[in-house]
């Protein structure tokens, strides 16, 4: 995510299970440029995992949420890998 994090990004969390990884993004608002950044981030993650022995049918998914990293965010209960001060404070 280095170089791709903008002020609009509030938080990122990862949900890992045996058959998939879900990357949860919280944005202040979801803009076309943010969607492009998410695609770049996920592409980099796929490249990073390309040498791993992943199960057949393994999936990489994402959720994009407009709002803060609060109780309504789908990523709230998963491993947070990034959170801005705006993500916590609104």
C-alpha atoms as a PDB file:
ATOM      1  CA  UNK A   1       0.000   0.000   0.000  1.00  0.00           C
ATOM      2  CA  UNK A   2       3.018   2.268   0.191  1.00  0.00           C
ATOM      3  CA  UNK A   3       2.421   5.279  -1.976  1.00  0.00           C
ATOM      4  CA  UNK A   4      -1.242   4.431  -2.543  1.00  0.00           C
ATOM      5  CA  UNK A   5      -2.686   5.602   0.751  1.00  0.00           C
ATOM      6  CA  UNK A   6      -4.596   8.881   0.391  1.00  0.00           C
ATOM      7  CA  UNK A   7      -6.242  11.029   3.034  1.00  0.00           C
ATOM      8  CA  UNK A   8      -9.567   9.574   1.913  1.00  0.00           C
ATOM      9  CA  UNK A   9      -8.578   6.080   3.110  1.00  0.00           C
ATOM     10  CA  UNK A  10      -9.743   5.595   6.688  1.00  0.00           C
ATOM     11  CA  UNK A  11      -8.799   1.970   7.425  1.00  0.00           C
ATOM     12  CA  UNK A  12      -7.871  -1.427   5.969  1.00  0.00           C
ATOM     13  CA  UNK A  13      -8.489  -4.798   7.606  1.00  0.00           C
ATOM     14  CA  UNK A  14      -7.752  -8.361   6.500  1.00  0.00           C
ATOM     15  CA  UNK A  15      -9.969 -11.416   7.014  1.00  0.00           C
ATOM     16  CA  UNK A  16      -8.036 -14.628   6.328  1.00  0.00           C
ATOM     17  CA  UNK A  17      -9.677 -18.034   6.089  1.00  0.00           C
ATOM     18  CA  UNK A  18      -8.472 -21.309   4.521  1.00  0.00           C
ATOM     19  CA  UNK A  19     -10.200 -20.625   1.203  1.00  0.00           C
ATOM     20  CA  UNK A  20      -9.983 -16.851   0.849  1.00  0.00           C
ATOM     21  CA  UNK A  21      -8.671 -13.500   1.946  1.00  0.00           C
ATOM     22  CA  UNK A  22     -11.043 -10.555   2.198  1.00  0.00           C
ATOM     23  CA  UNK A  23      -9.494  -7.096   2.298  1.00  0.00           C
ATOM     24  CA  UNK A  24     -11.862  -4.547   3.854  1.00  0.00           C
ATOM     25  CA  UNK A  25     -11.369  -0.888   2.921  1.00  0.00           C
ATOM     26  CA  UNK A  26     -13.046   2.078   4.629  1.00  0.00           C
ATOM     27  CA  UNK A  27     -13.001   5.377   2.733  1.00  0.00           C
ATOM     28  CA  UNK A  28     -14.389   8.792   3.578  1.00  0.00           C
ATOM     29  CA  UNK A  29     -16.147   8.497   0.237  1.00  0.00           C
ATOM     30  CA  UNK A  30     -15.614   6.004  -2.577  1.00  0.00           C
ATOM     31  CA  UNK A  31     -14.211   7.775  -5.637  1.00  0.00           C
ATOM     32  CA  UNK A  32     -13.123   6.285  -8.980  1.00  0.00           C
ATOM     33  CA  UNK A  33      -9.463   6.929  -8.113  1.00  0.00           C
ATOM     34  CA  UNK A  34      -9.916   4.967  -4.879  1.00  0.00           C
ATOM     35  CA  UNK A  35     -11.314   2.002  -6.807  1.00  0.00           C
ATOM     36  CA  UNK A  36      -8.237   2.091  -9.034  1.00  0.00           C
ATOM     37  CA  UNK A  37      -5.968   2.175  -5.975  1.00  0.00           C
ATOM     38  CA  UNK A  38      -7.779  -0.856  -4.532  1.00  0.00           C
ATOM     39  CA  UNK A  39      -7.231  -2.745  -7.794  1.00  0.00           C
ATOM     40  CA  UNK A  40      -3.512  -1.866  -7.657  1.00  0.00           C
ATOM     41  CA  UNK A  41      -3.232  -2.947  -4.015  1.00  0.00           C
ATOM     42  CA  UNK A  42      -4.981  -6.259  -4.699  1.00  0.00           C
ATOM     43  CA  UNK A  43      -2.826  -6.851  -7.782  1.00  0.00           C
ATOM     44  CA  UNK A  44       0.289  -6.351  -5.665  1.00  0.00           C
ATOM     45  CA  UNK A  45      -1.079  -8.768  -3.054  1.00  0.00           C
ATOM     46  CA  UNK A  46      -1.727 -11.411  -5.726  1.00  0.00           C
ATOM     47  CA  UNK A  47       1.843 -10.980  -6.981  1.00  0.00           C
ATOM     48  CA  UNK A  48       3.179 -11.297  -3.431  1.00  0.00           C
ATOM     49  CA  UNK A  49       1.209 -14.509  -2.881  1.00  0.00           C
ATOM     50  CA  UNK A  50       2.044 -16.033  -6.284  1.00  0.00           C
ATOM     51  CA  UNK A  51       4.761 -18.268  -4.812  1.00  0.00           C
ATOM     52  CA  UNK A  52       2.543 -19.547  -2.002  1.00  0.00           C
ATOM     53  CA  UNK A  53       0.895 -22.977  -2.053  1.00  0.00           C
ATOM     54  CA  UNK A  54      -2.722 -21.817  -2.028  1.00  0.00           C
ATOM     55  CA  UNK A  55      -5.706 -24.199  -2.058  1.00  0.00           C
ATOM     56  CA  UNK A  56      -7.581 -24.857  -5.282  1.00  0.00           C
ATOM     57  CA  UNK A  57     -10.395 -22.357  -5.631  1.00  0.00           C
ATOM     58  CA  UNK A  58      -8.708 -19.881  -3.310  1.00  0.00           C
ATOM     59  CA  UNK A  59     -10.166 -16.374  -3.656  1.00  0.00           C
ATOM     60  CA  UNK A  60      -9.137 -12.807  -2.991  1.00  0.00           C
ATOM     61  CA  UNK A  61     -12.064 -10.487  -2.327  1.00  0.00           C
ATOM     62  CA  UNK A  62     -12.541  -6.897  -1.250  1.00  0.00           C
ATOM     63  CA  UNK A  63     -15.194  -4.772   0.361  1.00  0.00           C
ATOM     64  CA  UNK A  64     -15.340  -1.006  -0.046  1.00  0.00           C
ATOM     65  CA  UNK A  65     -17.163   0.941   2.608  1.00  0.00           C
ATOM     66  CA  UNK A  66     -17.895   4.664   2.783  1.00  0.00           C
ATOM     67  CA  UNK A  67     -17.532   5.795   6.373  1.00  0.00           C
ATOM     68  CA  UNK A  68     -15.253   5.501   9.369  1.00  0.00           C
ATOM     69  CA  UNK A  69     -13.809   2.364  10.913  1.00  0.00           C
ATOM     70  CA  UNK A  70     -16.644   2.130  13.400  1.00  0.00           C
ATOM     71  CA  UNK A  71     -19.176  -0.530  14.400  1.00  0.00           C
ATOM     72  CA  UNK A  72     -20.934  -0.330  11.010  1.00  0.00           C
ATOM     73  CA  UNK A  73     -17.764  -1.111   9.016  1.00  0.00           C
ATOM     74  CA  UNK A  74     -17.626  -4.741   7.790  1.00  0.00           C
ATOM     75  CA  UNK A  75     -13.894  -4.865   8.609  1.00  0.00           C
ATOM     76  CA  UNK A  76     -14.335  -3.907  12.265  1.00  0.00           C
ATOM     77  CA  UNK A  77     -13.769  -7.420  13.662  1.00  0.00           C
ATOM     78  CA  UNK A  78     -10.790  -8.338  11.491  1.00  0.00           C
ATOM     79  CA  UNK A  79      -7.045  -7.697  11.608  1.00  0.00           C
ATOM     80  CA  UNK A  80      -6.482  -3.990  10.982  1.00  0.00           C
ATOM     81  CA  UNK A  81      -3.383  -3.294   8.936  1.00  0.00           C
ATOM     82  CA  UNK A  82      -3.981   0.429   8.524  1.00  0.00           C
ATOM     83  CA  UNK A  83      -6.060   3.032  10.315  1.00  0.00           C
ATOM     84  CA  UNK A  84      -5.822   6.802   9.992  1.00  0.00           C
ATOM     85  CA  UNK A  85      -6.663   9.232  12.743  1.00  0.00           C
ATOM     86  CA  UNK A  86      -9.663  10.228  10.612  1.00  0.00           C
ATOM     87  CA  UNK A  87     -10.752   6.599  10.586  1.00  0.00           C
ATOM     88  CA  UNK A  88     -11.090   6.560  14.355  1.00  0.00           C
ATOM     89  CA  UNK A  89     -12.199  10.104  15.002  1.00  0.00           C
ATOM     90  CA  UNK A  90     -14.395  10.830  12.003  1.00  0.00           C
END
